[in-house]
C-alpha atoms as a PDB file:
ATOM      1  CA  MET A   1      76.168 203.158 209.226  1.00  0.00           C
ATOM      2  CA  SER A   2      75.873 201.838 212.318  1.00  0.00           C
ATOM      3  CA  TRP A   3      78.158 204.453 213.613  1.00  0.00           C
ATOM      4  CA  PHE A   4      76.416 207.200 212.036  1.00  0.00           C
ATOM      5  CA  ARG A   5      73.402 205.960 213.462  1.00  0.00           C
ATOM      6  CA  PHE A   6      74.984 205.919 216.889  1.00  0.00           C
ATOM      7  CA  SER A   7      76.866 209.180 216.355  1.00  0.00           C
ATOM      8  CA  CYS A   8      73.039 210.703 215.950  1.00  0.00           C
ATOM      9  CA  ASN A   9      71.394 209.629 218.924  1.00  0.00           C
ATOM     10  CA  PRO A  10      72.159 212.202 221.475  1.00  0.00           C
ATOM     11  CA  PHE A  11      70.806 209.978 224.285  1.00  0.00           C
ATOM     12  CA  ARG A  12      73.355 206.993 223.172  1.00  0.00           C
ATOM     13  CA  ARG A  13      76.436 209.631 222.765  1.00  0.00           C
ATOM     14  CA  PHE A  14      75.775 211.304 225.861  1.00  0.00           C
ATOM     15  CA  PHE A  15      75.579 207.987 227.805  1.00  0.00           C
ATOM     16  CA  VAL A  16      78.771 206.345 226.093  1.00  0.00           C
ATOM     17  CA  CYS A  17      80.514 210.008 226.187  1.00  0.00           C
ATOM     18  CA  GLU A  18      80.083 210.050 229.759  1.00  0.00           C
ATOM     19  CA  HIS A  19      81.566 206.742 230.892  1.00  0.00           C
ATOM     20  CA  ALA A  20      84.606 207.040 228.183  1.00  0.00           C
ATOM     21  CA  VAL A  21      85.764 210.125 230.067  1.00  0.00           C
ATOM     22  CA  LEU A  22      85.126 208.655 233.641  1.00  0.00           C
ATOM     23  CA  VAL A  23      87.109 205.464 232.217  1.00  0.00           C
ATOM     24  CA  ILE A  24      89.897 207.610 230.764  1.00  0.00           C
ATOM     25  CA  LEU A  25      90.710 209.478 234.166  1.00  0.00           C
ATOM     26  CA  ILE A  26      90.292 206.764 236.386  1.00  0.00           C
ATOM     27  CA  LEU A  27      93.247 205.205 233.458  1.00  0.00           C
ATOM     28  CA  PHE A  28      95.241 208.189 233.804  1.00  0.00           C
ATOM     29  CA  PHE A  29      95.208 208.428 237.671  1.00  0.00           C
ATOM     30  CA  PHE A  30      96.669 204.955 237.736  1.00  0.00           C
ATOM     31  CA  SER A  31      99.053 205.409 235.117  1.00  0.00           C
ATOM     32  CA  CYS A  32     100.364 208.684 236.327  1.00  0.00           C
ATOM     33  CA  GLY A  33     102.384 207.100 239.140  1.00  0.00           C
ATOM     34  CA  VAL A  34     100.265 208.717 241.744  1.00  0.00           C
ATOM     35  CA  HIS A  35     101.308 207.030 245.046  1.00  0.00           C
ATOM     36  CA  LEU A  36      99.294 207.693 248.278  1.00  0.00           C
ATOM     37  CA  THR A  37     101.684 206.415 251.223  1.00  0.00           C
ATOM     38  CA  LYS A  38      99.604 204.835 254.289  1.00  0.00           C
ATOM     39  CA  ILE A  39     100.807 206.464 257.439  1.00  0.00           C
ATOM     40  CA  LYS A  40     101.087 203.489 259.760  1.00  0.00           C
ATOM     41  CA  PRO A  41     101.230 204.791 263.121  1.00  0.00           C
ATOM     42  CA  ASP A  42     102.976 202.083 264.212  1.00  0.00           C
ATOM     43  CA  GLU A  43     106.180 202.086 262.189  1.00  0.00           C
ATOM     44  CA  THR A  44     109.693 202.521 263.845  1.00  0.00           C
ATOM     45  CA  ILE A  45     113.246 202.351 262.524  1.00  0.00           C
ATOM     46  CA  GLU A  46     116.054 201.362 264.676  1.00  0.00           C
ATOM     47  CA  PHE A  47     119.399 202.476 263.279  1.00  0.00           C
ATOM     48  CA  GLU A  48     122.931 201.205 264.762  1.00  0.00           C
ATOM     49  CA  LYS A  49     126.310 202.598 263.972  1.00  0.00           C
ATOM     50  CA  THR A  50     129.407 200.327 265.306  1.00  0.00           C
ATOM     51  CA  GLY A  51     132.472 201.232 266.256  1.00  0.00           C
ATOM     52  CA  CYS A  52     135.865 200.859 264.281  1.00  0.00           C
ATOM     53  CA  LEU A  53     139.103 200.199 264.684  1.00  0.00           C
ATOM     54  CA  GLY A  54     139.501 204.157 264.750  1.00  0.00           C
ATOM     55  CA  LYS A  55     137.363 206.823 266.328  1.00  0.00           C
ATOM     56  CA  CYS A  56     133.990 205.989 264.614  1.00  0.00           C
ATOM     57  CA  LYS A  57     130.984 207.167 266.715  1.00  0.00           C
ATOM     58  CA  SER A  58     128.851 204.308 267.848  1.00  0.00           C
ATOM     59  CA  TYR A  59     125.458 204.283 269.039  1.00  0.00           C
ATOM     60  CA  LYS A  60     121.974 203.172 268.257  1.00  0.00           C
ATOM     61  CA  ILE A  61     118.646 205.140 267.687  1.00  0.00           C
ATOM     62  CA  ALA A  62     114.902 204.216 267.421  1.00  0.00           C
ATOM     63  CA  VAL A  63     112.360 206.408 266.276  1.00  0.00           C
ATOM     64  CA  SER A  64     108.586 205.837 265.942  1.00  0.00           C
ATOM     65  CA  ARG A  65     106.114 207.387 263.766  1.00  0.00           C
ATOM     66  CA  ASN A  66     104.283 209.555 266.209  1.00  0.00           C
ATOM     67  CA  GLY A  67     107.981 210.827 267.200  1.00  0.00           C
ATOM     68  CA  TYR A  68     109.101 208.908 270.423  1.00  0.00           C
ATOM     69  CA  SER A  69     112.995 208.334 270.107  1.00  0.00           C
ATOM     70  CA  THR A  70     115.000 205.859 272.221  1.00  0.00           C
ATOM     71  CA  TYR A  71     119.087 206.540 272.200  1.00  0.00           C
ATOM     72  CA  GLU A  72     121.979 204.388 273.187  1.00  0.00           C
ATOM     73  CA  GLY A  73     125.593 206.091 273.154  1.00  0.00           C
ATOM     74  CA  ILE A  74     128.216 203.431 273.098  1.00  0.00           C
ATOM     75  CA  SER A  75     131.531 205.024 272.247  1.00  0.00           C
ATOM     76  CA  ASN A  76     133.407 208.161 270.505  1.00  0.00           C
ATOM     77  CA  VAL A  77     129.610 209.954 271.051  1.00  0.00           C
ATOM     78  CA  ALA A  78     128.945 213.141 273.641  1.00  0.00           C
ATOM     79  CA  LYS A  79     126.442 211.083 275.582  1.00  0.00           C
ATOM     80  CA  ILE A  80     127.159 207.738 277.201  1.00  0.00           C
ATOM     81  CA  GLY A  81     124.043 205.656 277.833  1.00  0.00           C
ATOM     82  CA  LYS A  82     120.176 205.694 277.540  1.00  0.00           C
ATOM     83  CA  TYR A  83     118.001 208.418 276.871  1.00  0.00           C
ATOM     84  CA  SER A  84     114.766 209.117 275.123  1.00  0.00           C
ATOM     85  CA  ARG A  85     112.891 212.355 273.789  1.00  0.00           C
ATOM     86  CA  LYS A  86     109.691 213.185 271.505  1.00  0.00           C
ATOM     87  CA  LEU A  87     110.718 214.398 268.666  1.00  0.00           C
ATOM     88  CA  LYS A  88     109.458 218.209 267.174  1.00  0.00           C
ATOM     89  CA  LYS A  89     106.842 217.730 264.840  1.00  0.00           C
ATOM     90  CA  GLU A  90     108.759 219.407 261.893  1.00  0.00           C
ATOM     91  CA  GLU A  91     112.033 216.998 262.676  1.00  0.00           C
ATOM     92  CA  ASN A  92     109.916 213.772 262.846  1.00  0.00           C
ATOM     93  CA  GLU A  93     107.915 215.033 259.838  1.00  0.00           C
ATOM     94  CA  ASP A  94     111.338 215.561 257.970  1.00  0.00           C
ATOM     95  CA  LEU A  95     112.782 212.008 258.967  1.00  0.00           C
ATOM     96  CA  TRP A  96     109.357 210.186 257.728  1.00  0.00           C
ATOM     97  CA  LYS A  97     109.667 211.678 254.758  1.00  0.00           C
ATOM     98  CA  ILE A  98     113.245 210.532 253.997  1.00  0.00           C
ATOM     99  CA  VAL A  99     112.145 207.138 255.047  1.00  0.00           C
ATOM    100  CA  ASN A 100     109.653 207.507 252.769  1.00  0.00           C
ATOM    101  CA  GLN A 101     111.378 208.404 249.593  1.00  0.00           C
ATOM    102  CA  ASP A 102     112.229 204.995 248.797  1.00  0.00           C
ATOM    103  CA  SER A 103     110.898 202.428 249.799  1.00  0.00           C
ATOM    104  CA  LEU A 104     112.714 200.478 252.175  1.00  0.00           C
ATOM    105  CA  SER A 105     110.963 196.940 251.850  1.00  0.00           C
ATOM    106  CA  ARG A 106     112.271 197.048 248.111  1.00  0.00           C
ATOM    107  CA  MET A 107     116.130 197.841 249.042  1.00  0.00           C
ATOM    108  CA  ARG A 108     118.519 194.973 249.432  1.00  0.00           C
ATOM    109  CA  GLU A 109     119.461 193.536 252.493  1.00  0.00           C
ATOM    110  CA  SER A 110     123.271 194.452 252.307  1.00  0.00           C
ATOM    111  CA  TYR A 111     125.182 197.515 250.314  1.00  0.00           C
ATOM    112  CA  ASN A 112     129.035 197.476 250.176  1.00  0.00           C
ATOM    113  CA  TYR A 113     129.531 197.017 254.136  1.00  0.00           C
ATOM    114  CA  GLY A 114     132.989 196.126 253.955  1.00  0.00           C
ATOM    115  CA  ASP A 115     135.977 194.384 256.122  1.00  0.00           C
ATOM    116  CA  GLU A 116     134.877 193.475 259.343  1.00  0.00           C
ATOM    117  CA  ASP A 117     136.996 196.104 261.007  1.00  0.00           C
ATOM    118  CA  THR A 118     134.990 199.215 259.249  1.00  0.00           C
ATOM    119  CA  GLN A 119     132.099 200.951 260.569  1.00  0.00           C
ATOM    120  CA  GLN A 120     128.612 198.782 259.602  1.00  0.00           C
ATOM    121  CA  HIS A 121     125.568 200.255 259.595  1.00  0.00           C
ATOM    122  CA  PHE A 122     122.343 198.905 260.355  1.00  0.00           C
ATOM    123  CA  LEU A 123     118.902 200.076 259.816  1.00  0.00           C
ATOM    124  CA  LYS A 124     115.968 197.900 260.606  1.00  0.00           C
ATOM    125  CA  TYR A 125     112.152 199.280 259.815  1.00  0.00           C
ATOM    126  CA  TYR A 126     108.950 197.597 261.308  1.00  0.00           C
ATOM    127  CA  SER A 127     105.484 197.724 261.494  1.00  0.00           C
ATOM    128  CA  GLY A 128     104.347 197.046 264.962  1.00  0.00           C
ATOM    129  CA  GLU A 129     106.063 194.011 265.951  1.00  0.00           C
ATOM    130  CA  LYS A 130     106.772 192.942 262.714  1.00  0.00           C
ATOM    131  CA  LEU A 131     110.480 193.128 261.245  1.00  0.00           C
ATOM    132  CA  ILE A 132     109.836 194.075 257.591  1.00  0.00           C
ATOM    133  CA  LYS A 133     113.356 195.147 256.418  1.00  0.00           C
ATOM    134  CA  GLU A 134     117.196 194.707 257.795  1.00  0.00           C
ATOM    135  CA  ILE A 135     119.591 196.615 256.046  1.00  0.00           C
ATOM    136  CA  ARG A 136     123.354 196.347 256.589  1.00  0.00           C
ATOM    137  CA  PHE A 137     125.430 198.937 254.889  1.00  0.00           C
ATOM    138  CA  GLY A 138     129.142 200.506 254.778  1.00  0.00           C
ATOM    139  CA  PRO A 139     130.700 203.117 252.899  1.00  0.00           C
ATOM    140  CA  PHE A 140     128.638 204.071 249.579  1.00  0.00           C
ATOM    141  CA  PRO A 141     125.178 202.600 250.188  1.00  0.00           C
ATOM    142  CA  PRO A 142     122.240 204.167 248.160  1.00  0.00           C
ATOM    143  CA  PRO A 143     121.777 208.087 248.714  1.00  0.00           C
ATOM    144  CA  VAL A 144     118.685 207.281 250.575  1.00  0.00           C
ATOM    145  CA  LEU A 145     120.596 205.538 253.071  1.00  0.00           C
ATOM    146  CA  ILE A 146     122.902 208.122 253.306  1.00  0.00           C
ATOM    147  CA  LYS A 147     120.219 210.636 253.945  1.00  0.00           C
ATOM    148  CA  ILE A 148     118.566 208.645 256.609  1.00  0.00           C
ATOM    149  CA  ASP A 149     122.080 208.212 258.236  1.00  0.00           C
ATOM    150  CA  GLU A 150     122.587 211.945 258.004  1.00  0.00           C
ATOM    151  CA  LYS A 151     118.919 212.863 259.702  1.00  0.00           C
ATOM    152  CA  LEU A 152     119.491 210.024 262.341  1.00  0.00           C
ATOM    153  CA  GLU A 153     123.072 212.043 263.424  1.00  0.00           C
ATOM    154  CA  VAL A 154     121.465 215.235 263.403  1.00  0.00           C
ATOM    155  CA  ILE A 155     118.387 214.037 265.877  1.00  0.00           C
ATOM    156  CA  SER A 156     121.011 211.986 268.251  1.00  0.00           C
ATOM    157  CA  GLU A 157     123.071 215.233 268.463  1.00  0.00           C
ATOM    158  CA  ALA A 158     120.350 217.460 269.383  1.00  0.00           C
ATOM    159  CA  SER A 159     119.261 218.669 272.643  1.00  0.00           C
ATOM    160  CA  GLY A 160     116.252 217.323 274.759  1.00  0.00           C
ATOM    161  CA  TRP A 161     117.604 213.980 275.484  1.00  0.00           C
ATOM    162  CA  LYS A 162     116.825 213.203 279.030  1.00  0.00           C
ATOM    163  CA  ILE A 163     118.406 209.712 280.622  1.00  0.00           C
ATOM    164  CA  LEU A 164     117.062 206.628 281.266  1.00  0.00           C
ATOM    165  CA  LYS A 165     117.109 204.713 284.187  1.00  0.00           C
END
């Protein structure tokens, strides 16, 4: 009988239904995996490829969230020495979409880095001066690390680098 009285009272029905819809909407948005990535302007990634017993490219590259990048060619690359450049907006956004595709902080610290005579890869992720994650990998890392490697190699081989003194 109490349900009958509740459903017949228009004020109660409106008040309860309005809040129920609000609660349902809030739960829906939290349960659907809506992830808003907060952009941190002081984020930086550093990537290093080491040499190997063969002709592996060896270089270091760092890219900040604002697109400023530095490059150091070490061996078996077209540019030897230290360089810098500002990435194009689209180039920078593409890189950071890949970086944010999978949270680096949740990844393991090493993946299949092989023997000491094989090429090693080191990826460091910073927020400000604080090192958030360092990942070491060799052949066959997770796909997101392959994509970051490939994108940074394209950036390192692009034109527009200015030599640093």
